[in-house]
Amino acid sequence: MSILRTIIWIFVLLGFLIFAIYNWQPVELTLWQNLVLETKLPVLVVLAFLVGFVPMWALHRSVTWGLNRRIRTLENSLKQAALARPSDNTTVATEDTSVDKPGKSTGESADPLSPADGDGGSGK
């Protein structure tokens, strides 16, 4: 996209250069009754272009800046909301009290290989 924009600007500048070469003549511009500006025609064309272009460019830049700022704010609030909300699969109960494990209430071990009397398996 930037190559296309560059090509267009080159054609505009080339066209203006050709226009300036063939129309390099003095022009009198009466601003007020006693104030006359004498300048070359291409300078007057450049000034007219800038008077129309610069305000619209400044408006475009300010709107773009405001919208980018709004997008950044919304993205940051969305990111913070996503980080603050707990995930659904992390809500697992840590303590299971509803199921009785075999052997715990009577003193028997759930593991058949471990000794039931709690002497550490020495058998003495």
PDB file of N, CA and C in Angstrom:
ATOM      1  N   MET A   1       0.821  -1.182   0.000  1.00  0.00           N
ATOM      2  CA  MET A   1       0.000   0.000   0.000  1.00  0.00           C
ATOM      3  C   MET A   1       0.871   1.253   0.000  1.00  0.00           C
ATOM      4  N   SER A   2       1.982   1.205   0.716  1.00  0.00           N
ATOM      5  CA  SER A   2       2.835   2.395   0.768  1.00  0.00           C
ATOM      6  C   SER A   2       3.521   2.640  -0.583  1.00  0.00           C
ATOM      7  N   ILE A   3       3.776   1.582  -1.355  1.00  0.00           N
ATOM      8  CA  ILE A   3       4.389   1.773  -2.671  1.00  0.00           C
ATOM      9  C   ILE A   3       3.409   2.477  -3.603  1.00  0.00           C
ATOM     10  N   LEU A   4       2.129   2.161  -3.481  1.00  0.00           N
ATOM     11  CA  LEU A   4       1.111   2.822  -4.296  1.00  0.00           C
ATOM     12  C   LEU A   4       1.002   4.302  -3.926  1.00  0.00           C
ATOM     13  N   ARG A   5       1.033   4.576  -2.625  1.00  0.00           N
ATOM     14  CA  ARG A   5       0.983   5.970  -2.176  1.00  0.00           C
ATOM     15  C   ARG A   5       2.206   6.745  -2.664  1.00  0.00           C
ATOM     16  N   THR A   6       3.368   6.114  -2.633  1.00  0.00           N
ATOM     17  CA  THR A   6       4.595   6.760  -3.108  1.00  0.00           C
ATOM     18  C   THR A   6       4.515   7.053  -4.607  1.00  0.00           C
ATOM     19  N   ILE A   7       4.002   6.120  -5.370  1.00  0.00           N
ATOM     20  CA  ILE A   7       3.861   6.320  -6.816  1.00  0.00           C
ATOM     21  C   ILE A   7       2.905   7.475  -7.104  1.00  0.00           C
ATOM     22  N   ILE A   8       1.795   7.545  -6.373  1.00  0.00           N
ATOM     23  CA  ILE A   8       0.837   8.632  -6.578  1.00  0.00           C
ATOM     24  C   ILE A   8       1.472   9.976  -6.252  1.00  0.00           C
ATOM     25  N   TRP A   9       2.210  10.075  -5.149  1.00  0.00           N
ATOM     26  CA  TRP A   9       2.877  11.333  -4.787  1.00  0.00           C
ATOM     27  C   TRP A   9       3.935  11.726  -5.814  1.00  0.00           C
ATOM     28  N   ILE A  10       4.619  10.745  -6.375  1.00  0.00           N
ATOM     29  CA  ILE A  10       5.613  11.055  -7.415  1.00  0.00           C
ATOM     30  C   ILE A  10       4.921  11.644  -8.641  1.00  0.00           C
ATOM     31  N   PHE A  11       3.779  11.069  -9.057  1.00  0.00           N
ATOM     32  CA  PHE A  11       3.041  11.609 -10.195  1.00  0.00           C
ATOM     33  C   PHE A  11       2.502  13.011  -9.909  1.00  0.00           C
ATOM     34  N   VAL A  12       2.025  13.249  -8.696  1.00  0.00           N
ATOM     35  CA  VAL A  12       1.529  14.583  -8.336  1.00  0.00           C
ATOM     36  C   VAL A  12       2.668  15.597  -8.385  1.00  0.00           C
ATOM     37  N   LEU A  13       3.814  15.251  -7.815  1.00  0.00           N
ATOM     38  CA  LEU A  13       4.954  16.167  -7.830  1.00  0.00           C
ATOM     39  C   LEU A  13       5.491  16.388  -9.242  1.00  0.00           C
ATOM     40  N   LEU A  14       5.518  15.347 -10.050  1.00  0.00           N
ATOM     41  CA  LEU A  14       5.951  15.487 -11.437  1.00  0.00           C
ATOM     42  C   LEU A  14       4.998  16.400 -12.215  1.00  0.00           C
ATOM     43  N   GLY A  15       3.698  16.225 -11.994  1.00  0.00           N
ATOM     44  CA  GLY A  15       2.705  17.091 -12.645  1.00  0.00           C
ATOM     45  C   GLY A  15       2.845  18.533 -12.202  1.00  0.00           C
ATOM     46  N   PHE A  16       3.084  18.740 -10.902  1.00  0.00           N
ATOM     47  CA  PHE A  16       3.274  20.098 -10.415  1.00  0.00           C
ATOM     48  C   PHE A  16       4.559  20.714 -10.983  1.00  0.00           C
ATOM     49  N   LEU A  17       5.605  19.925 -11.111  1.00  0.00           N
ATOM     50  CA  LEU A  17       6.860  20.434 -11.669  1.00  0.00           C
ATOM     51  C   LEU A  17       6.675  20.882 -13.122  1.00  0.00           C
ATOM     52  N   ILE A  18       5.965  20.091 -13.900  1.00  0.00           N
ATOM     53  CA  ILE A  18       5.690  20.470 -15.293  1.00  0.00           C
ATOM     54  C   ILE A  18       4.828  21.731 -15.340  1.00  0.00           C
ATOM     55  N   PHE A  19       3.810  21.800 -14.472  1.00  0.00           N
ATOM     56  CA  PHE A  19       2.974  22.993 -14.400  1.00  0.00           C
ATOM     57  C   PHE A  19       3.803  24.225 -14.021  1.00  0.00           C
ATOM     58  N   ALA A  20       4.712  24.064 -13.045  1.00  0.00           N
ATOM     59  CA  ALA A  20       5.519  25.200 -12.586  1.00  0.00           C
ATOM     60  C   ALA A  20       6.472  25.690 -13.665  1.00  0.00           C
ATOM     61  N   ILE A  21       7.028  24.768 -14.444  1.00  0.00           N
ATOM     62  CA  ILE A  21       7.960  25.171 -15.503  1.00  0.00           C
ATOM     63  C   ILE A  21       7.243  25.998 -16.574  1.00  0.00           C
ATOM     64  N   TYR A  22       6.062  25.572 -16.993  1.00  0.00           N
ATOM     65  CA  TYR A  22       5.345  26.257 -18.071  1.00  0.00           C
ATOM     66  C   TYR A  22       4.577  27.498 -17.597  1.00  0.00           C
ATOM     67  N   ASN A  23       4.389  27.684 -16.308  1.00  0.00           N
ATOM     68  CA  ASN A  23       3.611  28.820 -15.803  1.00  0.00           C
ATOM     69  C   ASN A  23       4.411  29.663 -14.817  1.00  0.00           C
ATOM     70  N   TRP A  24       5.681  29.817 -15.028  1.00  0.00           N
ATOM     71  CA  TRP A  24       6.523  30.609 -14.133  1.00  0.00           C
ATOM     72  C   TRP A  24       6.417  32.087 -14.521  1.00  0.00           C
ATOM     73  N   GLN A  25       5.329  32.694 -14.143  1.00  0.00           N
ATOM     74  CA  GLN A  25       5.102  34.102 -14.457  1.00  0.00           C
ATOM     75  C   GLN A  25       4.558  34.803 -13.217  1.00  0.00           C
ATOM     76  N   PRO A  26       4.812  36.094 -13.095  1.00  0.00           N
ATOM     77  CA  PRO A  26       4.339  36.819 -11.907  1.00  0.00           C
ATOM     78  C   PRO A  26       2.829  37.036 -11.949  1.00  0.00           C
ATOM     79  N   VAL A  27       2.234  36.963 -10.763  1.00  0.00           N
ATOM     80  CA  VAL A  27       0.792  37.151 -10.606  1.00  0.00           C
ATOM     81  C   VAL A  27       0.595  38.180  -9.498  1.00  0.00           C
ATOM     82  N   GLU A  28      -0.289  39.128  -9.734  1.00  0.00           N
ATOM     83  CA  GLU A  28      -0.611  40.118  -8.708  1.00  0.00           C
ATOM     84  C   GLU A  28      -1.884  39.695  -8.000  1.00  0.00           C
ATOM     85  N   LEU A  29      -1.817  39.635  -6.692  1.00  0.00           N
ATOM     86  CA  LEU A  29      -2.958  39.242  -5.876  1.00  0.00           C
ATOM     87  C   LEU A  29      -3.293  40.411  -4.959  1.00  0.00           C
ATOM     88  N   THR A  30      -4.478  40.975  -5.131  1.00  0.00           N
ATOM     89  CA  THR A  30      -4.897  42.114  -4.314  1.00  0.00           C
ATOM     90  C   THR A  30      -5.563  41.581  -3.044  1.00  0.00           C
ATOM     91  N   LEU A  31      -4.899  41.772  -1.904  1.00  0.00           N
ATOM     92  CA  LEU A  31      -5.448  41.297  -0.646  1.00  0.00           C
ATOM     93  C   LEU A  31      -6.435  42.304  -0.074  1.00  0.00           C
ATOM     94  N   TRP A  32      -6.032  43.564   0.012  1.00  0.00           N
ATOM     95  CA  TRP A  32      -6.897  44.677   0.386  1.00  0.00           C
ATOM     96  C   TRP A  32      -6.728  45.769  -0.667  1.00  0.00           C
ATOM     97  N   GLN A  33      -7.372  46.873  -0.504  1.00  0.00           N
ATOM     98  CA  GLN A  33      -7.314  47.912  -1.540  1.00  0.00           C
ATOM     99  C   GLN A  33      -5.904  48.443  -1.759  1.00  0.00           C
ATOM    100  N   ASN A  34      -5.147  48.581  -0.703  1.00  0.00           N
ATOM    101  CA  ASN A  34      -3.802  49.124  -0.868  1.00  0.00           C
ATOM    102  C   ASN A  34      -2.705  48.087  -0.649  1.00  0.00           C
ATOM    103  N   LEU A  35      -3.065  46.812  -0.494  1.00  0.00           N
ATOM    104  CA  LEU A  35      -2.068  45.760  -0.265  1.00  0.00           C
ATOM    105  C   LEU A  35      -2.124  44.761  -1.422  1.00  0.00           C
ATOM    106  N   VAL A  36      -1.043  44.752  -2.211  1.00  0.00           N
ATOM    107  CA  VAL A  36      -0.971  43.869  -3.375  1.00  0.00           C
ATOM    108  C   VAL A  36       0.207  42.925  -3.179  1.00  0.00           C
ATOM    109  N   LEU A  37      -0.047  41.637  -3.395  1.00  0.00           N
ATOM    110  CA  LEU A  37       1.006  40.616  -3.279  1.00  0.00           C
ATOM    111  C   LEU A  37       1.385  40.178  -4.687  1.00  0.00           C
ATOM    112  N   GLU A  38       2.640  40.345  -5.029  1.00  0.00           N
ATOM    113  CA  GLU A  38       3.118  39.895  -6.336  1.00  0.00           C
ATOM    114  C   GLU A  38       3.996  38.673  -6.116  1.00  0.00           C
ATOM    115  N   THR A  39       3.581  37.580  -6.696  1.00  0.00           N
ATOM    116  CA  THR A  39       4.288  36.313  -6.524  1.00  0.00           C
ATOM    117  C   THR A  39       4.199  35.507  -7.808  1.00  0.00           C
ATOM    118  N   LYS A  40       4.912  34.440  -7.854  1.00  0.00           N
ATOM    119  CA  LYS A  40       4.858  33.537  -9.010  1.00  0.00           C
ATOM    120  C   LYS A  40       3.649  32.613  -8.875  1.00  0.00           C
ATOM    121  N   LEU A  41       3.107  32.174  -9.963  1.00  0.00           N
ATOM    122  CA  LEU A  41       1.895  31.356  -9.968  1.00  0.00           C
ATOM    123  C   LEU A  41       2.078  30.013  -9.245  1.00  0.00           C
ATOM    124  N   PRO A  42       3.181  29.272  -9.431  1.00  0.00           N
ATOM    125  CA  PRO A  42       3.331  28.006  -8.705  1.00  0.00           C
ATOM    126  C   PRO A  42       3.356  28.177  -7.179  1.00  0.00           C
ATOM    127  N   VAL A  43       3.902  29.295  -6.696  1.00  0.00           N
ATOM    128  CA  VAL A  43       3.898  29.545  -5.247  1.00  0.00           C
ATOM    129  C   VAL A  43       2.472  29.731  -4.762  1.00  0.00           C
ATOM    130  N   LEU A  44       1.675  30.425  -5.521  1.00  0.00           N
ATOM    131  CA  LEU A  44       0.276  30.626  -5.171  1.00  0.00           C
ATOM    132  C   LEU A  44      -0.488  29.292  -5.168  1.00  0.00           C
ATOM    133  N   VAL A  45      -0.179  28.415  -6.112  1.00  0.00           N
ATOM    134  CA  VAL A  45      -0.823  27.099  -6.166  1.00  0.00           C
ATOM    135  C   VAL A  45      -0.437  26.259  -4.950  1.00  0.00           C
ATOM    136  N   VAL A  46       0.848  26.300  -4.569  1.00  0.00           N
ATOM    137  CA  VAL A  46       1.302  25.540  -3.396  1.00  0.00           C
ATOM    138  C   VAL A  46       0.632  26.066  -2.133  1.00  0.00           C
ATOM    139  N   LEU A  47       0.551  27.376  -1.985  1.00  0.00           N
ATOM    140  CA  LEU A  47      -0.117  27.956  -0.818  1.00  0.00           C
ATOM    141  C   LEU A  47      -1.590  27.567  -0.760  1.00  0.00           C
ATOM    142  N   ALA A  48      -2.268  27.585  -1.892  1.00  0.00           N
ATOM    143  CA  ALA A  48      -3.683  27.192  -1.927  1.00  0.00           C
ATOM    144  C   ALA A  48      -3.842  25.715  -1.566  1.00  0.00           C
ATOM    145  N   PHE A  49      -2.925  24.867  -2.057  1.00  0.00           N
ATOM    146  CA  PHE A  49      -2.957  23.445  -1.722  1.00  0.00           C
ATOM    147  C   PHE A  49      -2.761  23.239  -0.225  1.00  0.00           C
ATOM    148  N   LEU A  50      -1.789  23.938   0.356  1.00  0.00           N
ATOM    149  CA  LEU A  50      -1.525  23.782   1.786  1.00  0.00           C
ATOM    150  C   LEU A  50      -2.663  24.303   2.651  1.00  0.00           C
ATOM    151  N   VAL A  51      -3.306  25.384   2.222  1.00  0.00           N
ATOM    152  CA  VAL A  51      -4.443  25.919   2.977  1.00  0.00           C
ATOM    153  C   VAL A  51      -5.591  24.901   3.018  1.00  0.00           C
ATOM    154  N   GLY A  52      -5.772  24.149   1.967  1.00  0.00           N
ATOM    155  CA  GLY A  52      -6.825  23.131   1.950  1.00  0.00           C
ATOM    156  C   GLY A  52      -6.402  21.811   2.567  1.00  0.00           C
ATOM    157  N   PHE A  53      -5.116  21.462   2.453  1.00  0.00           N
ATOM    158  CA  PHE A  53      -4.654  20.140   2.866  1.00  0.00           C
ATOM    159  C   PHE A  53      -4.342  20.061   4.356  1.00  0.00           C
ATOM    160  N   VAL A  54      -3.654  21.042   4.904  1.00  0.00           N
ATOM    161  CA  VAL A  54      -3.169  20.962   6.288  1.00  0.00           C
ATOM    162  C   VAL A  54      -4.306  20.862   7.310  1.00  0.00           C
ATOM    163  N   PRO A  55      -5.381  21.630   7.231  1.00  0.00           N
ATOM    164  CA  PRO A  55      -6.456  21.446   8.226  1.00  0.00           C
ATOM    165  C   PRO A  55      -7.113  20.059   8.158  1.00  0.00           C
ATOM    166  N   MET A  56      -7.331  19.557   6.945  1.00  0.00           N
ATOM    167  CA  MET A  56      -7.946  18.232   6.821  1.00  0.00           C
ATOM    168  C   MET A  56      -6.993  17.126   7.297  1.00  0.00           C
ATOM    169  N   TRP A  57      -5.718  17.298   7.051  1.00  0.00           N
ATOM    170  CA  TRP A  57      -4.733  16.332   7.534  1.00  0.00           C
ATOM    171  C   TRP A  57      -4.679  16.351   9.061  1.00  0.00           C
ATOM    172  N   ALA A  58      -4.716  17.555   9.661  1.00  0.00           N
ATOM    173  CA  ALA A  58      -4.696  17.663  11.119  1.00  0.00           C
ATOM    174  C   ALA A  58      -5.958  17.048  11.726  1.00  0.00           C
ATOM    175  N   LEU A  59      -7.100  17.259  11.099  1.00  0.00           N
ATOM    176  CA  LEU A  59      -8.342  16.646  11.572  1.00  0.00           C
ATOM    177  C   LEU A  59      -8.256  15.127  11.490  1.00  0.00           C
ATOM    178  N   HIS A  60      -7.752  14.614  10.390  1.00  0.00           N
ATOM    179  CA  HIS A  60      -7.594  13.167  10.215  1.00  0.00           C
ATOM    180  C   HIS A  60      -6.671  12.583  11.283  1.00  0.00           C
ATOM    181  N   ARG A  61      -5.545  13.240  11.525  1.00  0.00           N
ATOM    182  CA  ARG A  61      -4.589  12.749  12.530  1.00  0.00           C
ATOM    183  C   ARG A  61      -5.197  12.771  13.927  1.00  0.00           C
ATOM    184  N   SER A  62      -5.967  13.812  14.256  1.00  0.00           N
ATOM    185  CA  SER A  62      -6.560  13.892  15.591  1.00  0.00           C
ATOM    186  C   SER A  62      -7.633  12.819  15.787  1.00  0.00           C
ATOM    187  N   VAL A  63      -8.444  12.572  14.762  1.00  0.00           N
ATOM    188  CA  VAL A  63      -9.460  11.520  14.865  1.00  0.00           C
ATOM    189  C   VAL A  63      -8.794  10.153  14.980  1.00  0.00           C
ATOM    190  N   THR A  64      -7.754   9.911  14.188  1.00  0.00           N
ATOM    191  CA  THR A  64      -7.028   8.637  14.251  1.00  0.00           C
ATOM    192  C   THR A  64      -6.399   8.449  15.632  1.00  0.00           C
ATOM    193  N   TRP A  65      -5.818   9.506  16.179  1.00  0.00           N
ATOM    194  CA  TRP A  65      -5.210   9.427  17.504  1.00  0.00           C
ATOM    195  C   TRP A  65      -6.257   9.097  18.566  1.00  0.00           C
ATOM    196  N   GLY A  66      -7.407   9.758  18.500  1.00  0.00           N
ATOM    197  CA  GLY A  66      -8.476   9.507  19.466  1.00  0.00           C
ATOM    198  C   GLY A  66      -9.019   8.085  19.374  1.00  0.00           C
ATOM    199  N   LEU A  67      -9.201   7.595  18.156  1.00  0.00           N
ATOM    200  CA  LEU A  67      -9.715   6.231  17.992  1.00  0.00           C
ATOM    201  C   LEU A  67      -8.694   5.190  18.445  1.00  0.00           C
ATOM    202  N   ASN A  68      -7.415   5.409  18.154  1.00  0.00           N
ATOM    203  CA  ASN A  68      -6.383   4.476  18.625  1.00  0.00           C
ATOM    204  C   ASN A  68      -6.313   4.470  20.148  1.00  0.00           C
ATOM    205  N   ARG A  69      -6.472   5.629  20.760  1.00  0.00           N
ATOM    206  CA  ARG A  69      -6.475   5.710  22.218  1.00  0.00           C
ATOM    207  C   ARG A  69      -7.669   4.953  22.794  1.00  0.00           C
ATOM    208  N   ARG A  70      -8.808   5.083  22.160  1.00  0.00           N
ATOM    209  CA  ARG A  70      -9.999   4.371  22.620  1.00  0.00           C
ATOM    210  C   ARG A  70      -9.847   2.864  22.458  1.00  0.00           C
ATOM    211  N   ILE A  71      -9.262   2.430  21.351  1.00  0.00           N
ATOM    212  CA  ILE A  71      -9.031   1.005  21.123  1.00  0.00           C
ATOM    213  C   ILE A  71      -8.085   0.447  22.175  1.00  0.00           C
ATOM    214  N   ARG A  72      -6.994   1.179  22.475  1.00  0.00           N
ATOM    215  CA  ARG A  72      -6.052   0.714  23.512  1.00  0.00           C
ATOM    216  C   ARG A  72      -6.736   0.603  24.869  1.00  0.00           C
ATOM    217  N   THR A  73      -7.591   1.562  25.209  1.00  0.00           N
ATOM    218  CA  THR A  73      -8.298   1.516  26.489  1.00  0.00           C
ATOM    219  C   THR A  73      -9.226   0.313  26.556  1.00  0.00           C
ATOM    220  N   LEU A  74      -9.968   0.069  25.493  1.00  0.00           N
ATOM    221  CA  LEU A  74     -10.882  -1.075  25.470  1.00  0.00           C
ATOM    222  C   LEU A  74     -10.121  -2.401  25.512  1.00  0.00           C
ATOM    223  N   GLU A  75      -8.995  -2.490  24.805  1.00  0.00           N
ATOM    224  CA  GLU A  75      -8.197  -3.716  24.843  1.00  0.00           C
ATOM    225  C   GLU A  75      -7.641  -3.965  26.232  1.00  0.00           C
ATOM    226  N   ASN A  76      -7.168  -2.920  26.897  1.00  0.00           N
ATOM    227  CA  ASN A  76      -6.629  -3.089  28.252  1.00  0.00           C
ATOM    228  C   ASN A  76      -7.715  -3.496  29.233  1.00  0.00           C
ATOM    229  N   SER A  77      -8.899  -2.912  29.132  1.00  0.00           N
ATOM    230  CA  SER A  77      -9.981  -3.298  30.042  1.00  0.00           C
ATOM    231  C   SER A  77     -10.439  -4.725  29.765  1.00  0.00           C
ATOM    232  N   LEU A  78     -10.443  -5.133  28.510  1.00  0.00           N
ATOM    233  CA  LEU A  78     -10.804  -6.505  28.180  1.00  0.00           C
ATOM    234  C   LEU A  78      -9.765  -7.482  28.707  1.00  0.00           C
ATOM    235  N   LYS A  79      -8.489  -7.121  28.593  1.00  0.00           N
ATOM    236  CA  LYS A  79      -7.423  -7.982  29.099  1.00  0.00           C
ATOM    237  C   LYS A  79      -7.504  -8.118  30.616  1.00  0.00           C
ATOM    238  N   GLN A  80      -7.755  -7.015  31.319  1.00  0.00           N
ATOM    239  CA  GLN A  80      -7.865  -7.068  32.776  1.00  0.00           C
ATOM    240  C   GLN A  80      -9.087  -7.858  33.210  1.00  0.00           C
ATOM    241  N   ALA A  81     -10.179  -7.744  32.474  1.00  0.00           N
ATOM    242  CA  ALA A  81     -11.380  -8.506  32.810  1.00  0.00           C
ATOM    243  C   ALA A  81     -11.153 -10.005  32.588  1.00  0.00           C
ATOM    244  N   ALA A  82     -10.401 -10.348  31.564  1.00  0.00           N
ATOM    245  CA  ALA A  82     -10.125 -11.762  31.298  1.00  0.00           C
ATOM    246  C   ALA A  82      -9.190 -12.339  32.351  1.00  0.00           C
ATOM    247  N   LEU A  83      -8.249 -11.548  32.836  1.00  0.00           N
ATOM    248  CA  LEU A  83      -7.335 -12.031  33.862  1.00  0.00           C
ATOM    249  C   LEU A  83      -8.006 -12.119  35.228  1.00  0.00           C
ATOM    250  N   ALA A  84      -8.975 -11.273  35.498  1.00  0.00           N
ATOM    251  CA  ALA A  84      -9.640 -11.257  36.796  1.00  0.00           C
ATOM    252  C   ALA A  84     -10.671 -12.370  36.926  1.00  0.00           C
ATOM    253  N   ARG A  85     -11.251 -12.813  35.844  1.00  0.00           N
ATOM    254  CA  ARG A  85     -12.277 -13.846  35.884  1.00  0.00           C
ATOM    255  C   ARG A  85     -11.621 -15.215  36.036  1.00  0.00           C
ATOM    256  N   PRO A  86     -12.020 -16.027  37.059  1.00  0.00           N
ATOM    257  CA  PRO A  86     -11.418 -17.352  37.211  1.00  0.00           C
ATOM    258  C   PRO A  86     -11.917 -18.298  36.131  1.00  0.00           C
ATOM    259  N   SER A  87     -11.099 -19.219  35.800  1.00  0.00           N
ATOM    260  CA  SER A  87     -11.449 -20.204  34.778  1.00  0.00           C
ATOM    261  C   SER A  87     -12.435 -21.210  35.357  1.00  0.00           C
ATOM    262  N   ASP A  88     -13.313 -21.797  34.541  1.00  0.00           N
ATOM    263  CA  ASP A  88     -14.333 -22.739  35.009  1.00  0.00           C
ATOM    264  C   ASP A  88     -13.730 -24.072  35.453  1.00  0.00           C
ATOM    265  N   ASN A  89     -12.657 -24.516  34.859  1.00  0.00           N
ATOM    266  CA  ASN A  89     -12.099 -25.825  35.188  1.00  0.00           C
ATOM    267  C   ASN A  89     -11.143 -25.774  36.373  1.00  0.00           C
ATOM    268  N   THR A  90     -10.965 -24.653  37.020  1.00  0.00           N
ATOM    269  CA  THR A  90     -10.104 -24.578  38.203  1.00  0.00           C
ATOM    270  C   THR A  90     -10.900 -24.644  39.491  1.00  0.00           C
ATOM    271  N   THR A  91     -12.222 -24.837  39.429  1.00  0.00           N
ATOM    272  CA  THR A  91     -13.053 -24.896  40.630  1.00  0.00           C
ATOM    273  C   THR A  91     -13.248 -26.353  41.035  1.00  0.00           C
ATOM    274  N   VAL A  92     -12.196 -26.982  41.515  1.00  0.00           N
ATOM    275  CA  VAL A  92     -12.240 -28.370  41.962  1.00  0.00           C
ATOM    276  C   VAL A  92     -12.170 -28.358  43.486  1.00  0.00           C
ATOM    277  N   ALA A  93     -12.992 -29.186  44.138  1.00  0.00           N
ATOM    278  CA  ALA A  93     -12.994 -29.253  45.600  1.00  0.00           C
ATOM    279  C   ALA A  93     -11.681 -29.853  46.080  1.00  0.00           C
ATOM    280  N   THR A  94     -11.120 -29.247  47.109  1.00  0.00           N
ATOM    281  CA  THR A  94      -9.824 -29.735  47.611  1.00  0.00           C
ATOM    282  C   THR A  94      -9.989 -30.774  48.711  1.00  0.00           C
ATOM    283  N   GLU A  95     -11.121 -30.822  49.368  1.00  0.00           N
ATOM    284  CA  GLU A  95     -11.327 -31.770  50.457  1.00  0.00           C
ATOM    285  C   GLU A  95     -12.542 -32.622  50.139  1.00  0.00           C
ATOM    286  N   ASP A  96     -12.371 -33.949  50.184  1.00  0.00           N
ATOM    287  CA  ASP A  96     -13.464 -34.861  49.870  1.00  0.00           C
ATOM    288  C   ASP A  96     -13.923 -35.496  51.171  1.00  0.00           C
ATOM    289  N   THR A  97     -15.046 -35.039  51.723  1.00  0.00           N
ATOM    290  CA  THR A  97     -15.555 -35.561  52.994  1.00  0.00           C
ATOM    291  C   THR A  97     -16.761 -36.450  52.817  1.00  0.00           C
ATOM    292  N   SER A  98     -17.277 -36.566  51.621  1.00  0.00           N
ATOM    293  CA  SER A  98     -18.503 -37.325  51.428  1.00  0.00           C
ATOM    294  C   SER A  98     -18.255 -38.819  51.268  1.00  0.00           C
ATOM    295  N   VAL A  99     -17.061 -39.226  50.910  1.00  0.00           N
ATOM    296  CA  VAL A  99     -16.777 -40.644  50.680  1.00  0.00           C
ATOM    297  C   VAL A  99     -15.908 -41.155  51.820  1.00  0.00           C
ATOM    298  N   ASP A 100     -16.351 -42.248  52.474  1.00  0.00           N
ATOM    299  CA  ASP A 100     -15.535 -42.873  53.513  1.00  0.00           C
ATOM    300  C   ASP A 100     -14.514 -43.770  52.857  1.00  0.00           C
ATOM    301  N   LYS A 101     -13.292 -43.601  53.267  1.00  0.00           N
ATOM    302  CA  LYS A 101     -12.242 -44.447  52.727  1.00  0.00           C
ATOM    303  C   LYS A 101     -12.175 -45.729  53.539  1.00  0.00           C
ATOM    304  N   PRO A 102     -12.000 -46.835  52.882  1.00  0.00           N
ATOM    305  CA  PRO A 102     -12.015 -48.115  53.610  1.00  0.00           C
ATOM    306  C   PRO A 102     -10.844 -48.211  54.593  1.00  0.00           C
ATOM    307  N   GLY A 103     -11.163 -48.670  55.773  1.00  0.00           N
ATOM    308  CA  GLY A 103     -10.142 -48.953  56.765  1.00  0.00           C
ATOM    309  C   GLY A 103      -9.745 -47.775  57.620  1.00  0.00           C
ATOM    310  N   LYS A 104     -10.127 -46.570  57.306  1.00  0.00           N
ATOM    311  CA  LYS A 104      -9.692 -45.423  58.084  1.00  0.00           C
ATOM    312  C   LYS A 104     -10.476 -45.314  59.396  1.00  0.00           C
ATOM    313  N   SER A 105     -11.778 -45.615  59.369  1.00  0.00           N
ATOM    314  CA  SER A 105     -12.575 -45.461  60.583  1.00  0.00           C
ATOM    315  C   SER A 105     -12.367 -46.623  61.551  1.00  0.00           C
ATOM    316  N   THR A 106     -12.025 -47.826  61.073  1.00  0.00           N
ATOM    317  CA  THR A 106     -11.862 -48.995  61.947  1.00  0.00           C
ATOM    318  C   THR A 106     -10.422 -49.268  62.301  1.00  0.00           C
ATOM    319  N   GLY A 107      -9.510 -48.508  61.720  1.00  0.00           N
ATOM    320  CA  GLY A 107      -8.103 -48.730  62.027  1.00  0.00           C
ATOM    321  C   GLY A 107      -7.436 -49.625  61.016  1.00  0.00           C
ATOM    322  N   GLU A 108      -8.190 -50.128  60.067  1.00  0.00           N
ATOM    323  CA  GLU A 108      -7.592 -50.973  59.046  1.00  0.00           C
ATOM    324  C   GLU A 108      -6.978 -50.107  57.964  1.00  0.00           C
ATOM    325  N   SER A 109      -5.957 -50.601  57.343  1.00  0.00           N
ATOM    326  CA  SER A 109      -5.283 -49.871  56.290  1.00  0.00           C
ATOM    327  C   SER A 109      -5.941 -50.165  54.964  1.00  0.00           C
ATOM    328  N   ALA A 110      -5.995 -49.174  54.110  1.00  0.00           N
ATOM    329  CA  ALA A 110      -6.563 -49.355  52.783  1.00  0.00           C
ATOM    330  C   ALA A 110      -5.597 -50.125  51.906  1.00  0.00           C
ATOM    331  N   ASP A 111      -4.322 -50.090  52.227  1.00  0.00           N
ATOM    332  CA  ASP A 111      -3.315 -50.787  51.443  1.00  0.00           C
ATOM    333  C   ASP A 111      -3.104 -52.162  52.052  1.00  0.00           C
ATOM    334  N   PRO A 112      -3.351 -53.216  51.272  1.00  0.00           N
ATOM    335  CA  PRO A 112      -3.212 -54.567  51.858  1.00  0.00           C
ATOM    336  C   PRO A 112      -1.761 -54.924  52.186  1.00  0.00           C
ATOM    337  N   LEU A 113      -0.788 -54.276  51.625  1.00  0.00           N
ATOM    338  CA  LEU A 113       0.604 -54.620  51.886  1.00  0.00           C
ATOM    339  C   LEU A 113       1.168 -53.915  53.110  1.00  0.00           C
ATOM    340  N   SER A 114       0.519 -52.852  53.558  1.00  0.00           N
ATOM    341  CA  SER A 114       1.031 -52.135  54.723  1.00  0.00           C
ATOM    342  C   SER A 114       0.498 -52.794  55.997  1.00  0.00           C
ATOM    343  N   PRO A 115       1.262 -52.773  57.071  1.00  0.00           N
ATOM    344  CA  PRO A 115       0.804 -53.425  58.320  1.00  0.00           C
ATOM    345  C   PRO A 115      -0.325 -52.620  58.965  1.00  0.00           C
ATOM    346  N   ALA A 116      -1.251 -53.323  59.574  1.00  0.00           N
ATOM    347  CA  ALA A 116      -2.433 -52.709  60.150  1.00  0.00           C
ATOM    348  C   ALA A 116      -2.174 -52.161  61.541  1.00  0.00           C
ATOM    349  N   ASP A 117      -1.165 -52.636  62.231  1.00  0.00           N
ATOM    350  CA  ASP A 117      -0.954 -52.171  63.595  1.00  0.00           C
ATOM    351  C   ASP A 117      -0.140 -50.890  63.694  1.00  0.00           C
ATOM    352  N   GLY A 118       0.416 -50.434  62.571  1.00  0.00           N
ATOM    353  CA  GLY A 118       1.084 -49.149  62.552  1.00  0.00           C
ATOM    354  C   GLY A 118       2.496 -49.181  63.113  1.00  0.00           C
ATOM    355  N   ASP A 119       3.142 -50.347  63.161  1.00  0.00           N
ATOM    356  CA  ASP A 119       4.511 -50.398  63.694  1.00  0.00           C
ATOM    357  C   ASP A 119       5.587 -50.186  62.613  1.00  0.00           C
ATOM    358  N   GLY A 120       5.156 -49.825  61.441  1.00  0.00           N
ATOM    359  CA  GLY A 120       6.110 -49.525  60.396  1.00  0.00           C
ATOM    360  C   GLY A 120       6.519 -50.732  59.598  1.00  0.00           C
ATOM    361  N   GLY A 121       5.854 -51.857  59.785  1.00  0.00           N
ATOM    362  CA  GLY A 121       6.138 -53.034  58.986  1.00  0.00           C
ATOM    363  C   GLY A 121       7.276 -53.867  59.537  1.00  0.00           C
ATOM    364  N   SER A 122       7.667 -53.657  60.785  1.00  0.00           N
ATOM    365  CA  SER A 122       8.775 -54.453  61.328  1.00  0.00           C
ATOM    366  C   SER A 122       8.307 -55.816  61.791  1.00  0.00           C
ATOM    367  N   GLY A 123       6.991 -55.934  62.155  1.00  0.00           N
ATOM    368  CA  GLY A 123       6.442 -57.220  62.551  1.00  0.00           C
ATOM    369  C   GLY A 123       6.776 -57.578  63.969  1.00  0.00           C
ATOM    370  N   LYS A 124       7.289 -56.756  64.801  1.00  0.00           N
ATOM    371  CA  LYS A 124       7.670 -57.090  66.151  1.00  0.00           C
ATOM    372  C   LYS A 124       6.645 -56.730  67.138  1.00  0.00           C
TER     373      LYS A 124
END
